N, C-alpha and C. Protein backbone atom coordinates (compact mmCIF):
# COMPACT_ATOMS: atom_id res chain seq x y z
N UNK A 1 0.85 -1.19 0.00
CA UNK A 1 0.00 0.00 0.00
C UNK A 1 0.88 1.23 0.00
N UNK A 2 0.34 2.28 -0.59
CA UNK A 2 1.12 3.48 -0.75
C UNK A 2 0.34 4.68 -0.23
N UNK A 3 1.08 5.63 0.30
CA UNK A 3 0.49 6.86 0.84
C UNK A 3 1.23 8.03 0.22
N UNK A 4 0.47 8.93 -0.39
CA UNK A 4 1.04 10.11 -1.04
C UNK A 4 0.44 11.34 -0.38
N UNK A 5 1.28 12.31 -0.04
CA UNK A 5 0.82 13.59 0.50
C UNK A 5 1.28 14.69 -0.45
N UNK A 6 0.36 15.59 -0.76
CA UNK A 6 0.66 16.73 -1.63
C UNK A 6 0.37 17.99 -0.83
N UNK A 7 1.40 18.78 -0.57
CA UNK A 7 1.27 19.95 0.30
C UNK A 7 1.90 21.16 -0.37
N UNK A 8 1.66 22.31 0.18
CA UNK A 8 2.18 23.57 -0.33
C UNK A 8 1.19 24.68 -0.04
N UNK A 9 1.59 25.90 -0.33
CA UNK A 9 0.74 27.06 -0.06
C UNK A 9 -0.56 27.01 -0.86
N UNK A 10 -1.54 27.74 -0.36
CA UNK A 10 -2.82 27.87 -1.05
C UNK A 10 -2.60 28.34 -2.48
N UNK A 11 -3.29 27.73 -3.42
CA UNK A 11 -3.23 28.12 -4.81
C UNK A 11 -2.08 27.53 -5.60
N UNK A 12 -1.33 26.62 -5.02
CA UNK A 12 -0.14 26.08 -5.68
C UNK A 12 -0.45 25.02 -6.74
N UNK A 13 -1.66 24.47 -6.72
CA UNK A 13 -2.01 23.43 -7.70
C UNK A 13 -2.06 22.03 -7.13
N UNK A 14 -2.23 21.92 -5.82
CA UNK A 14 -2.25 20.61 -5.16
C UNK A 14 -3.40 19.73 -5.63
N UNK A 15 -4.58 20.33 -5.74
CA UNK A 15 -5.75 19.56 -6.16
C UNK A 15 -5.58 19.06 -7.60
N UNK A 16 -5.02 19.90 -8.45
CA UNK A 16 -4.78 19.51 -9.84
C UNK A 16 -3.78 18.36 -9.92
N UNK A 17 -2.70 18.44 -9.13
CA UNK A 17 -1.72 17.35 -9.12
C UNK A 17 -2.35 16.07 -8.58
N UNK A 18 -3.16 16.18 -7.53
CA UNK A 18 -3.83 14.99 -6.99
C UNK A 18 -4.75 14.34 -8.03
N UNK A 19 -5.46 15.16 -8.78
CA UNK A 19 -6.34 14.63 -9.83
C UNK A 19 -5.54 13.92 -10.92
N UNK A 20 -4.40 14.48 -11.24
CA UNK A 20 -3.53 13.87 -12.25
C UNK A 20 -3.00 12.52 -11.75
N UNK A 21 -2.54 12.49 -10.50
CA UNK A 21 -2.07 11.23 -9.91
C UNK A 21 -3.20 10.20 -9.89
N UNK A 22 -4.39 10.64 -9.46
CA UNK A 22 -5.53 9.72 -9.38
C UNK A 22 -5.82 9.12 -10.75
N UNK A 23 -5.89 9.96 -11.77
CA UNK A 23 -6.19 9.48 -13.12
C UNK A 23 -5.15 8.46 -13.59
N UNK A 24 -3.90 8.77 -13.35
CA UNK A 24 -2.83 7.89 -13.80
C UNK A 24 -2.78 6.58 -13.01
N UNK A 25 -2.88 6.68 -11.69
CA UNK A 25 -2.68 5.51 -10.83
C UNK A 25 -3.91 4.61 -10.74
N UNK A 26 -5.10 5.18 -10.88
CA UNK A 26 -6.32 4.38 -10.69
C UNK A 26 -6.65 3.51 -11.90
N UNK A 27 -5.88 3.62 -12.96
CA UNK A 27 -6.13 2.80 -14.15
C UNK A 27 -5.98 1.32 -13.85
N UNK A 28 -5.10 0.98 -12.90
CA UNK A 28 -4.89 -0.45 -12.64
C UNK A 28 -4.89 -0.84 -11.17
N UNK A 29 -5.30 0.08 -10.29
CA UNK A 29 -5.39 -0.26 -8.85
C UNK A 29 -6.33 0.70 -8.14
N UNK A 30 -6.87 0.28 -7.00
CA UNK A 30 -7.78 1.15 -6.26
C UNK A 30 -7.03 2.33 -5.62
N UNK A 31 -7.55 3.55 -5.85
CA UNK A 31 -6.95 4.78 -5.35
C UNK A 31 -8.05 5.65 -4.76
N UNK A 32 -7.76 6.34 -3.68
CA UNK A 32 -8.69 7.32 -3.11
C UNK A 32 -7.94 8.61 -2.86
N UNK A 33 -8.66 9.72 -2.95
CA UNK A 33 -8.11 11.04 -2.67
C UNK A 33 -8.91 11.65 -1.54
N UNK A 34 -8.22 12.20 -0.56
CA UNK A 34 -8.86 12.95 0.52
C UNK A 34 -8.33 14.37 0.46
N UNK A 35 -9.24 15.33 0.39
CA UNK A 35 -8.90 16.75 0.32
C UNK A 35 -8.94 17.34 1.73
N UNK A 36 -7.90 18.06 2.10
CA UNK A 36 -7.87 18.68 3.42
C UNK A 36 -9.03 19.65 3.61
N UNK A 37 -9.50 20.29 2.53
CA UNK A 37 -10.65 21.20 2.64
C UNK A 37 -11.85 20.50 3.26
N UNK A 38 -11.98 19.20 3.04
CA UNK A 38 -13.09 18.44 3.63
C UNK A 38 -12.89 18.18 5.12
N UNK A 39 -11.63 18.24 5.57
CA UNK A 39 -11.31 17.89 6.97
C UNK A 39 -11.14 19.10 7.88
N UNK A 40 -10.85 20.26 7.30
CA UNK A 40 -10.65 21.46 8.13
C UNK A 40 -11.89 21.78 8.93
N UNK A 41 -11.67 22.31 10.13
CA UNK A 41 -12.76 22.75 11.00
C UNK A 41 -12.90 24.27 10.85
N UNK A 42 -13.34 24.70 9.67
CA UNK A 42 -13.50 26.13 9.41
C UNK A 42 -12.17 26.83 9.21
N UNK A 43 -12.22 28.14 9.15
CA UNK A 43 -11.02 28.94 8.90
C UNK A 43 -10.09 28.98 10.11
N UNK A 44 -10.62 29.26 11.27
CA UNK A 44 -9.78 29.50 12.45
C UNK A 44 -9.17 28.23 13.04
N UNK A 45 -9.85 27.10 12.89
CA UNK A 45 -9.38 25.85 13.52
C UNK A 45 -8.89 24.83 12.51
N UNK A 46 -8.60 25.26 11.30
CA UNK A 46 -8.27 24.33 10.22
C UNK A 46 -7.00 23.53 10.51
N UNK A 47 -5.93 24.21 10.85
CA UNK A 47 -4.63 23.55 11.04
C UNK A 47 -4.40 23.27 12.52
N UNK A 48 -5.36 22.62 13.12
CA UNK A 48 -5.35 22.39 14.57
C UNK A 48 -4.95 20.96 14.91
N UNK A 49 -4.91 20.70 16.19
CA UNK A 49 -4.64 19.35 16.68
C UNK A 49 -5.72 18.38 16.20
N UNK A 50 -6.93 18.86 16.02
CA UNK A 50 -8.02 18.00 15.52
C UNK A 50 -7.66 17.46 14.14
N UNK A 51 -7.10 18.30 13.26
CA UNK A 51 -6.69 17.84 11.93
C UNK A 51 -5.59 16.78 12.06
N UNK A 52 -4.63 17.03 12.92
CA UNK A 52 -3.54 16.07 13.12
C UNK A 52 -4.09 14.73 13.61
N UNK A 53 -5.02 14.75 14.55
CA UNK A 53 -5.62 13.52 15.06
C UNK A 53 -6.41 12.80 13.97
N UNK A 54 -7.12 13.57 13.15
CA UNK A 54 -7.87 12.98 12.05
C UNK A 54 -6.92 12.31 11.07
N UNK A 55 -5.83 13.00 10.73
CA UNK A 55 -4.85 12.42 9.80
C UNK A 55 -4.21 11.17 10.40
N UNK A 56 -3.93 11.19 11.68
CA UNK A 56 -3.35 10.02 12.35
C UNK A 56 -4.30 8.83 12.23
N UNK A 57 -5.57 9.07 12.44
CA UNK A 57 -6.58 8.00 12.33
C UNK A 57 -6.69 7.50 10.88
N UNK A 58 -6.64 8.42 9.94
CA UNK A 58 -6.72 8.05 8.52
C UNK A 58 -5.55 7.16 8.12
N UNK A 59 -4.33 7.58 8.45
CA UNK A 59 -3.17 6.80 8.01
C UNK A 59 -3.11 5.45 8.73
N UNK A 60 -3.54 5.40 9.98
CA UNK A 60 -3.56 4.11 10.68
C UNK A 60 -4.57 3.16 10.03
N UNK A 61 -5.75 3.66 9.71
CA UNK A 61 -6.75 2.83 9.05
C UNK A 61 -6.25 2.36 7.69
N UNK A 62 -5.59 3.25 6.96
CA UNK A 62 -5.03 2.88 5.66
C UNK A 62 -3.97 1.78 5.82
N UNK A 63 -3.09 1.95 6.79
CA UNK A 63 -2.06 0.93 7.04
C UNK A 63 -2.67 -0.41 7.46
N UNK A 64 -3.74 -0.35 8.24
CA UNK A 64 -4.40 -1.56 8.72
C UNK A 64 -5.34 -2.17 7.68
N UNK A 65 -5.49 -1.49 6.55
CA UNK A 65 -6.33 -1.97 5.45
C UNK A 65 -7.79 -2.14 5.88
N UNK A 66 -8.30 -1.16 6.64
CA UNK A 66 -9.69 -1.19 7.08
C UNK A 66 -10.41 0.06 6.58
N UNK A 67 -11.70 -0.10 6.36
CA UNK A 67 -12.52 1.04 5.97
C UNK A 67 -12.59 2.02 7.14
N UNK A 68 -12.75 3.28 6.82
CA UNK A 68 -12.88 4.30 7.86
C UNK A 68 -13.81 5.39 7.36
N UNK A 69 -14.28 6.17 8.30
CA UNK A 69 -15.23 7.23 7.99
C UNK A 69 -14.60 8.57 8.36
N UNK A 70 -14.81 9.56 7.50
CA UNK A 70 -14.34 10.90 7.81
C UNK A 70 -15.53 11.85 7.83
N UNK A 71 -15.46 12.83 8.72
CA UNK A 71 -16.45 13.89 8.76
C UNK A 71 -16.10 14.91 7.69
N UNK A 72 -17.09 15.37 6.96
CA UNK A 72 -16.90 16.32 5.87
C UNK A 72 -17.41 17.69 6.30
N UNK A 73 -16.54 18.70 6.16
CA UNK A 73 -16.90 20.06 6.54
C UNK A 73 -17.65 20.74 5.39
N UNK A 74 -18.76 21.37 5.73
CA UNK A 74 -19.56 22.12 4.76
C UNK A 74 -19.23 23.60 4.94
N UNK A 75 -18.61 24.19 3.92
CA UNK A 75 -18.18 25.59 4.00
C UNK A 75 -19.34 26.56 3.91
N UNK A 76 -20.50 26.11 3.48
CA UNK A 76 -21.68 26.98 3.45
C UNK A 76 -22.30 27.10 4.84
N UNK A 77 -22.47 25.96 5.50
CA UNK A 77 -23.07 25.98 6.84
C UNK A 77 -22.02 26.15 7.94
N UNK A 78 -20.74 26.07 7.55
CA UNK A 78 -19.62 26.19 8.50
C UNK A 78 -19.73 25.15 9.61
N UNK A 79 -20.02 23.91 9.20
CA UNK A 79 -20.12 22.82 10.17
C UNK A 79 -19.84 21.49 9.48
N UNK A 80 -19.49 20.50 10.28
CA UNK A 80 -19.37 19.14 9.77
C UNK A 80 -20.80 18.60 9.67
N UNK A 81 -21.24 18.28 8.46
CA UNK A 81 -22.63 17.87 8.33
C UNK A 81 -22.84 16.61 7.50
N UNK A 82 -21.74 15.97 7.10
CA UNK A 82 -21.87 14.70 6.38
C UNK A 82 -20.63 13.85 6.64
N UNK A 83 -20.70 12.63 6.17
CA UNK A 83 -19.60 11.68 6.37
C UNK A 83 -19.27 11.03 5.04
N UNK A 84 -18.06 10.52 4.95
CA UNK A 84 -17.63 9.78 3.76
C UNK A 84 -16.89 8.54 4.24
N UNK A 85 -17.23 7.41 3.69
CA UNK A 85 -16.54 6.16 4.01
C UNK A 85 -15.44 5.96 2.98
N UNK A 86 -14.25 5.68 3.47
CA UNK A 86 -13.11 5.36 2.61
C UNK A 86 -12.82 3.88 2.78
N UNK A 87 -12.98 3.14 1.71
CA UNK A 87 -12.70 1.71 1.76
C UNK A 87 -11.21 1.48 1.51
N UNK A 88 -10.69 0.34 1.93
CA UNK A 88 -9.25 0.08 1.72
C UNK A 88 -8.87 0.22 0.24
N UNK A 89 -7.77 0.87 0.02
CA UNK A 89 -7.25 1.10 -1.33
C UNK A 89 -5.76 0.81 -1.35
N UNK A 90 -5.23 0.60 -2.53
CA UNK A 90 -3.78 0.41 -2.65
C UNK A 90 -3.03 1.71 -2.45
N UNK A 91 -3.60 2.80 -2.96
CA UNK A 91 -2.93 4.10 -2.86
C UNK A 91 -3.92 5.12 -2.30
N UNK A 92 -3.48 5.81 -1.26
CA UNK A 92 -4.27 6.89 -0.67
C UNK A 92 -3.51 8.19 -0.89
N UNK A 93 -4.19 9.16 -1.48
CA UNK A 93 -3.60 10.47 -1.74
C UNK A 93 -4.26 11.49 -0.82
N UNK A 94 -3.45 12.17 -0.02
CA UNK A 94 -3.91 13.27 0.84
C UNK A 94 -3.42 14.55 0.20
N UNK A 95 -4.33 15.52 -0.03
CA UNK A 95 -3.89 16.75 -0.67
C UNK A 95 -4.48 17.96 0.03
N UNK A 96 -3.63 18.97 0.15
CA UNK A 96 -4.04 20.24 0.73
C UNK A 96 -3.04 20.71 1.76
N UNK A 97 -3.20 21.95 2.18
CA UNK A 97 -2.32 22.50 3.21
C UNK A 97 -2.47 21.64 4.47
N UNK A 98 -1.37 21.12 4.97
CA UNK A 98 -1.38 20.28 6.16
C UNK A 98 -1.35 18.80 5.85
N UNK A 99 -1.49 18.42 4.59
CA UNK A 99 -1.52 17.00 4.22
C UNK A 99 -0.20 16.29 4.49
N UNK A 100 0.90 17.04 4.42
CA UNK A 100 2.21 16.42 4.56
C UNK A 100 2.83 16.57 5.93
N UNK A 101 2.00 16.80 6.94
CA UNK A 101 2.57 17.01 8.26
C UNK A 101 3.22 15.75 8.83
N UNK A 102 3.96 15.91 9.90
CA UNK A 102 4.83 14.88 10.47
C UNK A 102 4.12 13.55 10.68
N UNK A 103 2.91 13.56 11.19
CA UNK A 103 2.20 12.31 11.45
C UNK A 103 2.00 11.51 10.16
N UNK A 104 1.82 12.20 9.05
CA UNK A 104 1.65 11.53 7.75
C UNK A 104 3.00 11.05 7.24
N UNK A 105 4.01 11.89 7.37
CA UNK A 105 5.37 11.48 6.94
C UNK A 105 5.84 10.28 7.74
N UNK A 106 5.58 10.28 9.03
CA UNK A 106 5.99 9.17 9.90
C UNK A 106 5.31 7.86 9.52
N UNK A 107 4.18 7.96 8.84
CA UNK A 107 3.46 6.76 8.39
C UNK A 107 3.99 6.25 7.05
N UNK A 108 5.04 6.89 6.54
CA UNK A 108 5.68 6.42 5.32
C UNK A 108 5.21 7.09 4.05
N UNK A 109 4.53 8.21 4.17
CA UNK A 109 4.04 8.90 2.97
C UNK A 109 5.19 9.44 2.13
N UNK A 110 4.98 9.45 0.84
CA UNK A 110 5.85 10.17 -0.07
C UNK A 110 5.27 11.57 -0.17
N UNK A 111 6.08 12.58 0.16
CA UNK A 111 5.60 13.95 0.23
C UNK A 111 6.04 14.76 -0.98
N UNK A 112 5.04 15.32 -1.65
CA UNK A 112 5.25 16.25 -2.76
C UNK A 112 4.94 17.65 -2.24
N UNK A 113 5.87 18.57 -2.43
CA UNK A 113 5.68 19.97 -2.05
C UNK A 113 5.60 20.79 -3.34
N UNK A 114 4.56 21.63 -3.44
CA UNK A 114 4.43 22.51 -4.58
C UNK A 114 4.76 23.93 -4.14
N UNK A 115 5.80 24.49 -4.71
CA UNK A 115 6.22 25.87 -4.41
C UNK A 115 5.42 26.85 -5.24
N UNK A 116 5.06 27.95 -4.61
CA UNK A 116 4.44 29.06 -5.32
C UNK A 116 4.64 30.31 -4.48
N UNK A 117 4.83 31.43 -5.13
CA UNK A 117 4.88 32.70 -4.42
C UNK A 117 3.53 32.88 -3.71
N UNK A 118 3.58 33.27 -2.44
CA UNK A 118 2.37 33.36 -1.63
C UNK A 118 1.32 34.28 -2.25
N UNK A 119 1.73 35.42 -2.78
CA UNK A 119 0.77 36.36 -3.36
C UNK A 119 0.14 35.81 -4.64
N UNK A 120 0.93 35.12 -5.44
CA UNK A 120 0.39 34.50 -6.66
C UNK A 120 -0.62 33.42 -6.26
N UNK A 121 -0.29 32.64 -5.26
CA UNK A 121 -1.19 31.60 -4.81
C UNK A 121 -2.51 32.15 -4.30
N UNK A 122 -2.45 33.19 -3.50
CA UNK A 122 -3.68 33.78 -2.96
C UNK A 122 -4.53 34.34 -4.10
N UNK A 123 -3.90 34.98 -5.06
CA UNK A 123 -4.67 35.52 -6.20
C UNK A 123 -5.35 34.40 -6.96
N UNK A 124 -4.69 33.27 -7.12
CA UNK A 124 -5.31 32.12 -7.79
C UNK A 124 -6.55 31.66 -7.02
N UNK A 125 -6.42 31.60 -5.69
CA UNK A 125 -7.55 31.18 -4.87
C UNK A 125 -8.71 32.15 -5.02
N UNK A 126 -8.42 33.45 -4.97
CA UNK A 126 -9.49 34.45 -5.08
C UNK A 126 -10.12 34.42 -6.47
N UNK A 127 -9.32 34.18 -7.49
CA UNK A 127 -9.88 34.06 -8.84
C UNK A 127 -10.81 32.86 -8.93
N UNK A 128 -10.45 31.79 -8.24
CA UNK A 128 -11.23 30.55 -8.28
C UNK A 128 -12.47 30.64 -7.38
N UNK A 129 -12.29 31.13 -6.15
CA UNK A 129 -13.36 31.06 -5.14
C UNK A 129 -14.08 32.37 -4.89
N UNK A 130 -13.54 33.48 -5.39
CA UNK A 130 -14.22 34.76 -5.23
C UNK A 130 -13.60 35.65 -4.17
N UNK A 131 -13.72 36.95 -4.38
CA UNK A 131 -13.13 37.94 -3.47
C UNK A 131 -13.82 38.02 -2.12
N UNK A 132 -14.98 37.39 -1.97
CA UNK A 132 -15.67 37.42 -0.68
C UNK A 132 -14.88 36.73 0.42
N UNK A 133 -13.88 35.94 0.05
CA UNK A 133 -13.06 35.27 1.08
C UNK A 133 -11.69 35.93 1.25
N UNK A 134 -11.52 37.13 0.72
CA UNK A 134 -10.22 37.81 0.77
C UNK A 134 -9.70 37.99 2.19
N UNK A 135 -10.55 38.41 3.12
CA UNK A 135 -10.07 38.62 4.49
C UNK A 135 -9.69 37.29 5.15
N UNK A 136 -10.45 36.24 4.89
CA UNK A 136 -10.10 34.92 5.43
C UNK A 136 -8.78 34.42 4.84
N UNK A 137 -8.57 34.70 3.56
CA UNK A 137 -7.33 34.23 2.92
C UNK A 137 -6.10 34.96 3.46
N UNK A 138 -6.24 36.21 3.86
CA UNK A 138 -5.12 36.92 4.47
C UNK A 138 -4.73 36.24 5.79
N UNK A 139 -5.72 35.86 6.57
CA UNK A 139 -5.45 35.15 7.82
C UNK A 139 -4.91 33.74 7.53
N UNK A 140 -5.44 33.12 6.48
CA UNK A 140 -4.99 31.78 6.10
C UNK A 140 -3.51 31.79 5.74
N UNK A 141 -3.07 32.83 5.03
CA UNK A 141 -1.65 32.94 4.68
C UNK A 141 -0.79 32.88 5.93
N UNK A 142 -1.18 33.60 6.95
CA UNK A 142 -0.42 33.62 8.21
C UNK A 142 -0.45 32.23 8.85
N UNK A 143 -1.64 31.64 8.93
CA UNK A 143 -1.79 30.32 9.57
C UNK A 143 -0.98 29.25 8.84
N UNK A 144 -1.00 29.25 7.51
CA UNK A 144 -0.27 28.22 6.79
C UNK A 144 1.23 28.41 6.96
N UNK A 145 1.71 29.65 6.97
CA UNK A 145 3.15 29.88 7.14
C UNK A 145 3.61 29.44 8.52
N UNK A 146 2.83 29.72 9.54
CA UNK A 146 3.16 29.27 10.90
C UNK A 146 3.21 27.74 10.94
N UNK A 147 2.20 27.12 10.33
CA UNK A 147 2.16 25.65 10.28
C UNK A 147 3.40 25.09 9.58
N UNK A 148 3.73 25.64 8.41
CA UNK A 148 4.86 25.12 7.64
C UNK A 148 6.19 25.31 8.37
N UNK A 149 6.35 26.43 9.03
CA UNK A 149 7.59 26.66 9.79
C UNK A 149 7.71 25.68 10.96
N UNK A 150 6.61 25.49 11.67
CA UNK A 150 6.62 24.58 12.83
C UNK A 150 6.82 23.13 12.40
N UNK A 151 6.16 22.74 11.33
CA UNK A 151 6.18 21.35 10.88
C UNK A 151 7.38 21.02 9.99
N UNK A 152 8.01 22.04 9.42
CA UNK A 152 9.12 21.85 8.48
C UNK A 152 8.70 20.97 7.29
N UNK A 153 7.51 21.26 6.80
CA UNK A 153 6.93 20.44 5.74
C UNK A 153 7.80 20.43 4.49
N UNK A 154 8.12 21.61 3.98
CA UNK A 154 8.89 21.69 2.73
C UNK A 154 10.25 21.00 2.89
N UNK A 155 10.89 21.21 4.02
CA UNK A 155 12.22 20.64 4.26
C UNK A 155 12.21 19.12 4.29
N UNK A 156 11.04 18.54 4.52
CA UNK A 156 10.92 17.08 4.60
C UNK A 156 10.31 16.45 3.35
N UNK A 157 10.11 17.25 2.31
CA UNK A 157 9.50 16.72 1.08
C UNK A 157 10.54 15.96 0.25
N UNK A 158 10.11 14.83 -0.30
CA UNK A 158 10.96 14.07 -1.22
C UNK A 158 10.99 14.71 -2.60
N UNK A 159 9.87 15.35 -2.95
CA UNK A 159 9.74 15.95 -4.28
C UNK A 159 9.29 17.40 -4.12
N UNK A 160 10.02 18.32 -4.71
CA UNK A 160 9.64 19.74 -4.68
C UNK A 160 9.48 20.20 -6.12
N UNK A 161 8.32 20.75 -6.40
CA UNK A 161 8.02 21.24 -7.74
C UNK A 161 7.57 22.69 -7.65
N UNK A 162 7.95 23.47 -8.64
CA UNK A 162 7.52 24.86 -8.70
C UNK A 162 6.26 24.96 -9.54
N UNK A 163 5.30 25.73 -9.04
CA UNK A 163 4.10 26.01 -9.82
C UNK A 163 4.38 27.17 -10.74
N UNK A 164 3.84 27.14 -11.94
CA UNK A 164 4.05 28.26 -12.85
C UNK A 164 3.39 29.52 -12.31
N UNK A 165 3.97 30.67 -12.58
CA UNK A 165 3.43 31.95 -12.09
C UNK A 165 2.15 32.33 -12.81
């Protein structure tokens, strides 16, 4: 079984890379993708101990080859309001800010880091999701940088790729 983590600043192209990996790898084996956006507990508590505990549970279930359930965050209602069952797969891809944290690396994940200038990344997010989240994205920039510095995510990546400007 294989575990892939794709991490980097907001707007770097993590979801696109995960979709590409999924398309390529799922042709001949079972693959699942989990997006960190589904696991975050809103804006303020996204990169919290709760996320780390959730990731720890996910990777343990994946290693044990057992189905598991994750709570899905609804960004409209700002609450966890649904669940998703992940059945055992050969390859599990975790993508999003926080996907490559230590608990995931310690479980043997191959970590891909996508580099992007922070301002370019934020503009991509706003172009995609709308300017109504501009104030939240300014706070998110701070939160993700604190997380990356504390976790040393980029420094522990096996693969570092630059996103085009």
